[in-house]
Protein backbone atom coordinates (compact mmCIF):
# COMPACT_ATOMS: atom_id res chain seq x y z
CA MET A 1 -0.09 0.24 -0.29
CA SER A 2 1.63 3.05 -1.21
CA ASP A 3 1.66 6.62 1.10
CA ALA A 4 -1.03 8.40 -0.68
CA LEU A 5 -3.60 5.82 0.29
CA ILE A 6 -3.66 6.65 4.07
CA THR A 7 -2.60 10.00 6.02
CA SER A 8 0.07 10.50 8.96
CA ARG A 9 -3.12 11.20 11.31
CA GLU A 10 -4.89 8.05 10.71
CA ARG A 11 -1.47 5.45 10.25
CA MET A 12 -0.77 6.61 13.88
CA ARG A 13 -4.42 6.33 15.03
CA LEU A 14 -4.18 2.46 13.32
CA ALA A 15 -0.67 1.97 15.58
CA LEU A 16 -2.15 2.90 18.56
CA ARG A 17 -5.29 1.01 18.25
CA HIS A 18 -3.28 -2.23 17.23
CA GLN A 19 -3.71 -2.31 13.76
CA GLU A 20 -1.67 -2.60 10.50
CA ALA A 21 -1.87 0.52 8.13
CA ASP A 22 0.68 0.90 5.22
CA ARG A 23 3.65 1.29 7.19
CA ILE A 24 4.35 2.01 10.43
CA PRO A 25 4.31 5.76 11.69
CA ILE A 26 7.67 7.71 12.07
CA HIS A 27 8.83 10.23 14.55
CA ASP A 28 11.98 11.28 16.24
CA ASP A 29 12.94 13.65 18.87
CA ILE A 30 16.64 15.45 17.35
CA TRP A 31 19.31 17.32 19.09
CA THR A 32 19.42 21.04 18.30
CA ALA A 33 23.45 20.52 17.97
CA THR A 34 22.61 18.12 15.41
CA ILE A 35 20.46 19.86 13.65
CA LYS A 36 22.87 22.57 13.17
CA ARG A 37 25.24 20.13 12.21
CA TRP A 38 23.05 18.67 9.33
CA GLN A 39 22.01 22.18 8.59
CA ALA A 40 26.06 22.63 7.27
CA GLN A 41 25.79 19.29 5.61
CA GLY A 42 22.54 20.43 3.25
CA MET A 43 19.96 20.47 5.36
CA SER A 44 17.49 23.10 4.56
CA ASP A 45 16.95 25.46 8.05
CA ALA A 46 13.45 26.97 5.95
CA VAL A 47 11.92 24.00 7.56
CA SER A 48 11.41 22.57 10.64
CA TYR A 49 12.97 18.82 11.09
CA GLU A 50 9.32 17.48 11.53
CA ASP A 51 8.75 18.87 8.04
CA TYR A 52 11.98 18.52 6.15
CA PHE A 53 11.61 14.53 7.52
CA GLY A 54 7.85 14.25 6.65
CA PHE A 55 7.21 12.80 10.18
CA ASP A 56 3.87 11.70 11.29
CA MET A 57 3.32 13.27 14.16
CA ARG A 58 3.28 17.13 15.80
CA PHE A 59 3.26 18.41 18.82
CA PHE A 60 2.03 21.60 20.83
CA ARG A 61 2.47 22.42 24.61
CA PRO A 62 1.70 24.96 27.22
CA ASP A 63 3.58 26.48 29.80
CA ILE A 64 2.92 24.65 33.14
CA SER A 65 6.17 26.16 34.97
CA PRO A 66 5.59 28.63 38.04
CA ARG A 67 6.87 31.25 35.75
CA TYR A 68 9.88 32.73 37.65
CA PRO A 69 11.61 35.45 36.16
CA GLU A 70 14.07 34.11 33.74
CA ARG A 71 17.54 35.49 32.87
CA VAL A 72 21.05 34.84 31.56
CA ILE A 73 23.77 34.71 34.58
CA GLU A 74 26.81 34.15 32.58
CA ARG A 75 27.45 33.19 28.93
CA THR A 76 31.30 31.90 28.12
CA THR A 77 31.98 30.33 24.76
CA GLU A 78 31.06 26.87 25.76
CA TYR A 79 28.92 27.22 28.30
CA VAL A 80 25.22 29.30 29.27
CA ILE A 81 23.84 29.80 33.09
CA GLU A 82 20.64 30.55 33.56
CA ALA A 83 17.83 31.34 35.66
CA THR A 84 14.71 29.49 34.72
CA PRO A 85 10.99 29.71 34.85
CA TYR A 86 10.90 26.83 37.42
CA GLY A 87 13.24 29.02 39.86
CA SER A 88 16.31 26.84 39.23
CA VAL A 89 19.73 28.19 37.76
CA ARG A 90 20.86 25.74 35.68
CA ARG A 91 24.11 24.96 32.82
CA ASN A 92 23.90 24.32 29.33
CA HIS A 93 26.52 23.77 26.59
CA ILE A 94 25.70 26.54 24.09
CA ASP A 95 24.90 24.28 21.80
CA HIS A 96 22.43 22.37 24.07
CA SER A 97 24.00 18.92 23.13
CA THR A 98 23.75 17.44 26.66
CA THR A 99 21.46 17.43 29.19
CA PRO A 100 21.90 20.92 31.69
CA GLU A 101 23.21 20.77 34.62
CA LEU A 102 21.15 22.13 37.64
CA ILE A 103 23.24 24.14 39.81
CA GLU A 104 20.53 25.24 42.10
CA TYR A 105 17.03 23.99 43.17
CA PRO A 106 14.06 26.34 43.49
CA VAL A 107 12.49 24.15 46.54
CA LYS A 108 14.00 23.01 49.43
CA SER A 109 11.34 22.90 52.05
CA PRO A 110 7.71 22.90 51.96
CA ALA A 111 7.89 26.72 52.56
CA ASP A 112 9.22 27.06 49.10
CA TRP A 113 6.83 24.56 47.53
CA GLN A 114 3.97 26.43 48.67
CA GLU A 115 5.28 29.67 47.03
CA ALA A 116 5.72 27.66 44.13
CA LYS A 117 2.43 26.18 44.22
CA ARG A 118 0.79 29.29 44.40
CA ARG A 119 2.02 30.36 41.18
CA LEU A 120 0.91 27.12 39.68
CA GLU A 121 -2.93 27.72 38.35
CA PRO A 122 -4.14 27.31 35.04
CA SER A 123 -3.97 30.27 32.16
CA TYR A 124 -5.04 31.68 29.14
CA THR A 125 -1.50 33.56 29.20
CA ARG A 126 0.29 29.96 29.59
CA MET A 127 -0.21 29.44 25.66
CA ASN A 128 1.41 30.91 22.40
CA TRP A 129 -1.66 31.22 20.29
CA LEU A 130 -0.27 32.51 17.12
CA THR A 131 2.10 29.74 17.03
CA LEU A 132 -0.32 27.36 18.39
CA LYS A 133 -2.75 28.36 15.70
CA SER A 134 -0.01 28.68 12.52
CA GLY A 135 1.44 24.86 13.12
CA TYR A 136 -1.89 23.68 14.28
CA ASP A 137 -3.84 24.95 11.28
CA ARG A 138 -0.78 23.74 9.02
CA ALA A 139 -0.87 20.23 10.69
CA ARG A 140 -4.45 19.64 10.08
CA ALA A 141 -4.43 20.79 6.91
CA GLU A 142 -1.51 18.08 5.96
CA ASN A 143 -3.61 15.18 7.82
CA ARG A 144 -0.55 15.17 10.72
CA PHE A 145 -1.48 13.53 14.23
CA VAL A 146 -1.68 16.34 16.70
CA ALA A 147 -0.62 15.69 20.25
CA TYR A 148 -0.78 18.01 23.39
CA ARG A 149 2.38 17.40 25.11
CA SER A 150 3.28 17.89 28.74
CA ALA A 151 5.53 17.06 31.34
CA MET A 152 3.70 15.05 34.45
CA SER A 153 4.55 12.92 37.52
CA TYR A 154 7.94 12.18 38.93
CA ASP A 155 9.78 13.65 35.91
CA GLN A 156 7.80 16.96 36.84
CA CYS A 157 8.84 16.79 40.49
CA GLN A 158 12.79 17.06 39.72
CA ASN A 159 12.34 20.42 38.04
CA TYR A 160 11.46 21.11 42.19
CA ILE A 161 13.87 19.23 44.31
CA ARG A 162 16.83 17.56 43.45
CA THR A 163 17.08 13.88 42.86
CA ASP A 164 19.27 12.66 46.05
CA GLU A 165 16.58 14.95 48.02
CA LEU A 166 13.80 13.77 46.05
CA LEU A 167 14.03 10.00 46.11
CA PRO A 168 14.28 9.91 50.40
CA LEU A 169 11.26 11.89 50.34
CA LEU A 170 9.32 9.26 48.59
CA ILE A 171 10.01 7.14 52.39
CA THR A 172 10.09 9.95 54.42
CA ASP A 173 7.47 12.39 53.65
CA PRO A 174 5.37 10.86 50.93
CA ASP A 175 2.09 13.25 51.40
CA TRP A 176 4.36 16.24 50.15
CA VAL A 177 5.13 14.61 46.97
CA ARG A 178 1.64 13.67 46.36
CA ASP A 179 1.04 17.04 46.67
CA ILE A 180 3.62 18.22 44.21
CA VAL A 181 2.02 15.60 41.47
CA GLU A 182 -1.54 16.62 42.04
CA THR A 183 -0.46 19.88 41.65
CA ILE A 184 0.84 18.84 38.12
CA ALA A 185 -1.94 16.82 37.23
CA ASP A 186 -4.06 19.58 38.19
CA MET A 187 -1.86 21.78 35.31
CA VAL A 188 -1.74 18.94 33.06
CA ILE A 189 -5.59 18.83 32.87
CA GLY A 190 -6.54 22.15 33.41
CA MET A 191 -4.42 23.71 30.58
CA TYR A 192 -5.44 20.96 27.89
CA GLN A 193 -8.94 22.17 29.06
CA VAL A 194 -7.92 26.15 28.52
CA ILE A 195 -6.79 24.80 24.93
CA VAL A 196 -9.62 22.90 24.00
CA LYS A 197 -12.02 25.59 24.87
CA GLU A 198 -10.31 27.84 22.10
CA GLY A 199 -11.67 25.16 19.89
CA TYR A 200 -8.91 22.99 19.48
CA GLU A 201 -8.66 19.18 19.12
CA PHE A 202 -6.05 16.67 19.84
CA ASP A 203 -5.59 13.28 18.53
CA ALA A 204 -3.55 12.30 21.74
CA ALA A 205 -1.66 13.36 24.89
CA PHE A 206 2.07 12.69 24.62
CA LEU A 207 3.37 13.02 28.32
CA SER A 208 6.71 13.27 29.62
CA GLY A 209 7.09 10.97 33.09
CA ASP A 210 10.62 9.86 33.44
CA LEU A 211 10.46 6.88 35.68
CA GLY A 212 13.99 4.81 35.69
CA TYR A 213 17.61 5.08 34.89
CA ARG A 214 20.37 2.49 33.69
CA LYS A 215 19.14 -0.70 34.55
CA ALA A 216 16.01 0.01 37.10
CA PRO A 217 13.62 2.46 37.82
CA PHE A 218 14.05 5.08 40.48
CA PHE A 219 11.73 3.44 42.60
CA SER A 220 10.12 0.13 43.70
CA PRO A 221 6.65 -0.77 41.88
CA ARG A 222 5.21 -0.62 45.58
CA THR A 223 6.23 3.28 45.81
CA TYR A 224 5.08 4.05 42.31
CA GLN A 225 1.97 2.33 43.14
CA GLN A 226 1.33 4.01 46.61
CA ILE A 227 2.49 7.71 45.38
CA PHE A 228 2.51 7.88 41.37
CA LYS A 229 0.03 5.37 40.25
CA PRO A 230 -3.26 6.93 41.30
CA VAL A 231 -2.44 10.25 40.21
CA ASP A 232 -1.08 8.58 36.38
CA ARG A 233 -4.67 6.65 36.73
CA ARG A 234 -6.32 9.97 37.09
CA ILE A 235 -4.61 11.46 34.22
CA PHE A 236 -4.91 8.80 31.76
CA ASP A 237 -8.68 8.72 32.71
CA PHE A 238 -8.96 12.39 32.05
CA PHE A 239 -7.82 11.95 28.59
CA HIS A 240 -9.61 8.39 27.80
CA ALA A 241 -13.12 10.55 28.92
CA GLN A 242 -11.96 13.14 26.14
CA GLY A 243 -11.46 10.03 23.20
CA ILE A 244 -7.78 10.73 22.90
CA PRO A 245 -5.24 7.84 23.99
CA VAL A 246 -2.12 8.67 26.15
CA ILE A 247 1.63 8.08 25.01
CA MET A 248 3.88 8.36 27.91
CA HIS A 249 7.95 8.92 27.45
CA SER A 250 10.29 7.89 30.03
CA CYS A 251 13.58 7.18 29.85
CA GLY A 252 15.57 4.27 31.74
CA ASN A 253 14.55 1.19 32.37
CA VAL A 254 11.16 0.50 33.54
CA ARG A 255 10.54 -2.74 32.90
CA PRO A 256 8.84 -3.74 36.54
CA LEU A 257 6.65 -0.68 35.95
CA ILE A 258 4.81 -1.88 33.00
CA PRO A 259 2.23 -4.16 34.79
CA ASP A 260 1.08 -0.82 36.72
CA LEU A 261 1.40 1.30 33.89
CA ILE A 262 -1.02 -0.72 31.72
CA ASP A 263 -3.14 -1.15 34.89
CA ALA A 264 -3.54 2.25 35.09
CA GLY A 265 -4.45 2.55 31.69
CA LEU A 266 -1.40 3.71 29.48
CA ASP A 267 -1.49 3.13 25.82
CA CYS A 268 1.68 3.70 24.70
CA LEU A 269 5.18 3.47 25.79
CA GLN A 270 8.14 5.84 24.85
CA ALA A 271 11.15 5.67 24.24
CA LEU A 272 12.55 1.86 25.00
CA GLU A 273 16.06 3.13 26.08
CA VAL A 274 18.41 0.19 24.64
CA LYS A 275 21.48 0.84 26.59
CA ALA A 276 19.30 0.86 29.88
CA GLY A 277 18.07 -2.44 29.15
CA MET A 278 14.79 -2.10 27.23
CA ASP A 279 14.69 -4.48 24.69
CA LEU A 280 11.45 -3.38 22.15
CA VAL A 281 11.68 -6.92 21.02
CA GLU A 282 10.78 -8.75 24.48
CA LEU A 283 8.32 -6.21 25.44
CA LYS A 284 6.32 -6.65 22.25
CA ARG A 285 6.14 -10.43 22.86
CA GLU A 286 5.77 -9.72 26.54
CA TYR A 287 3.43 -6.72 26.94
CA GLY A 288 2.31 -6.06 23.12
CA ARG A 289 -1.50 -6.96 23.28
CA ASP A 290 -2.26 -4.67 26.07
CA LEU A 291 0.64 -1.87 25.54
CA ALA A 292 1.81 -0.17 21.96
CA PHE A 293 5.42 0.69 22.18
CA MET A 294 7.36 3.92 20.59
CA GLY A 295 11.27 3.79 20.17
CA GLY A 296 13.62 1.30 20.85
CA ILE A 297 16.06 1.74 18.02
CA ASP A 298 19.48 2.16 19.51
CA VAL A 299 21.00 5.77 18.76
CA ARG A 300 24.34 3.90 18.89
CA ALA A 301 24.11 2.06 16.19
CA MET A 302 23.32 5.09 13.77
CA SER A 303 26.36 6.80 13.97
CA ASP A 304 28.92 3.52 13.51
CA PRO A 305 30.68 3.69 10.61
CA ASP A 306 29.32 0.09 9.49
CA PRO A 307 25.97 0.66 7.70
CA GLN A 308 25.24 -3.02 8.17
CA VAL A 309 25.01 -1.97 12.36
CA ILE A 310 21.60 -0.14 11.89
CA GLU A 311 20.13 -2.02 9.15
CA ARG A 312 20.44 -5.27 11.47
CA GLU A 313 19.55 -2.97 14.31
CA ILE A 314 16.34 -2.14 12.38
CA ALA A 315 15.89 -5.63 10.33
CA THR A 316 15.76 -7.50 13.82
CA LYS A 317 13.55 -5.23 15.55
CA ILE A 318 11.15 -3.38 13.56
CA PRO A 319 9.13 -6.70 11.74
CA ALA A 320 8.28 -8.12 15.28
CA ALA A 321 7.60 -4.62 16.69
CA ARG A 322 5.54 -3.95 13.64
CA ALA A 323 3.33 -7.36 13.22
CA GLY A 324 -0.28 -6.81 14.92
CA GLY A 325 0.36 -3.04 14.70
CA GLY A 326 1.19 -1.34 17.77
CA TYR A 327 3.99 0.10 16.82
CA ILE A 328 5.63 3.86 15.97
CA TYR A 329 9.29 4.18 14.91
CA HIS A 330 11.20 6.51 17.20
CA SER A 331 15.20 6.26 18.42
CA ASP A 332 15.65 4.71 21.89
CA HIS A 333 15.90 8.72 23.40
CA SER A 334 16.91 11.49 20.41
CA VAL A 335 19.28 11.60 17.73
CA PRO A 336 22.68 13.01 18.98
CA ASN A 337 25.18 14.69 16.90
CA ASP A 338 27.55 12.43 16.68
CA VAL A 339 24.79 10.63 14.09
CA SER A 340 25.43 12.49 10.23
CA LEU A 341 22.71 13.74 7.94
CA ALA A 342 23.49 10.97 5.49
CA GLN A 343 23.53 8.16 8.49
CA TYR A 344 19.68 9.42 9.62
CA ARG A 345 18.75 9.65 5.85
CA ARG A 346 19.60 6.16 5.77
CA VAL A 347 18.29 4.98 8.80
CA LEU A 348 14.82 6.44 7.36
CA GLU A 349 15.07 4.43 4.62
CA LEU A 350 15.20 1.27 6.27
CA VAL A 351 12.39 2.39 8.90
CA LYS A 352 10.39 2.31 5.58
CA LYS A 353 11.95 -0.62 4.13
CA TYR A 354 11.28 -2.86 6.71
CA GLY A 355 8.26 -0.96 8.35
CA GLU A 356 5.85 -1.79 5.71
CA PHE A 357 2.99 -4.10 6.23
């Protein structure tokens, strides 16, 4: 079946319903530094990378931060240190080629949290309406799949409290963490309602909720069940009541949490980080009837000078993952700047080759 016979929107919808289309849908996240490298290698800078590669999905996100004043504190030839809308101070490479280092966190006590919480109210002013309208109208005209995107759960908590202080709070003060997570959920839901009230419609919710690292989740399934699962269920139930599925992003190894995520109502898990131990083929075999998957293609294979490495990666995973629907192509995190434009074009050629039904 040719691409002309089915739209991006329908291709994504079918995948999330565990049904086969013409090919698997395609989307990816790409580092800013990678985009700059590719533009130097001939990629047009007149369009977004989503449009350049013809990805099937488009995202639109509101501001759910406490909106503290932003400013540049220091800039060098290598780094920039900035105060963020979360009230934190972070240092980042000038080219944004790595995860930023958080130097100072805004919440060091329950009183600090109460100050931040007072700033967390859904509002019409939290959306760039001109950008939303132009991007949304174009996406709809092109029959792209349109997703509401936001952060949630433990992932968003880390914007407020440093990890080595946050994790002990799960044991010593779980009620405080619950309050943070519930407040974040109110923002996620409230801003969706603000946008929809203005006449916009979404095909899915894409929510970032990092729960894992290297070889395991940040915390036990029991802790997830006690603190995070009830809030995740509330969010998932809300979006299901709006008639749309939920895709959740999590870095790291979250395999022990998958049964609870399914029970809470998750529809699709992304990004299946290979170096953390997430195996797309095994996950599909074990959970593919209940959960769709997005990702799982190792970015390290993309940059290998031997082109057979990435072909083996794609040829061994995508045919197994695509069977019966329920799979969307994505890298296993985001595409780093050691991948050339030619190498990435080859990736997409292989994805389409092995992703056809």
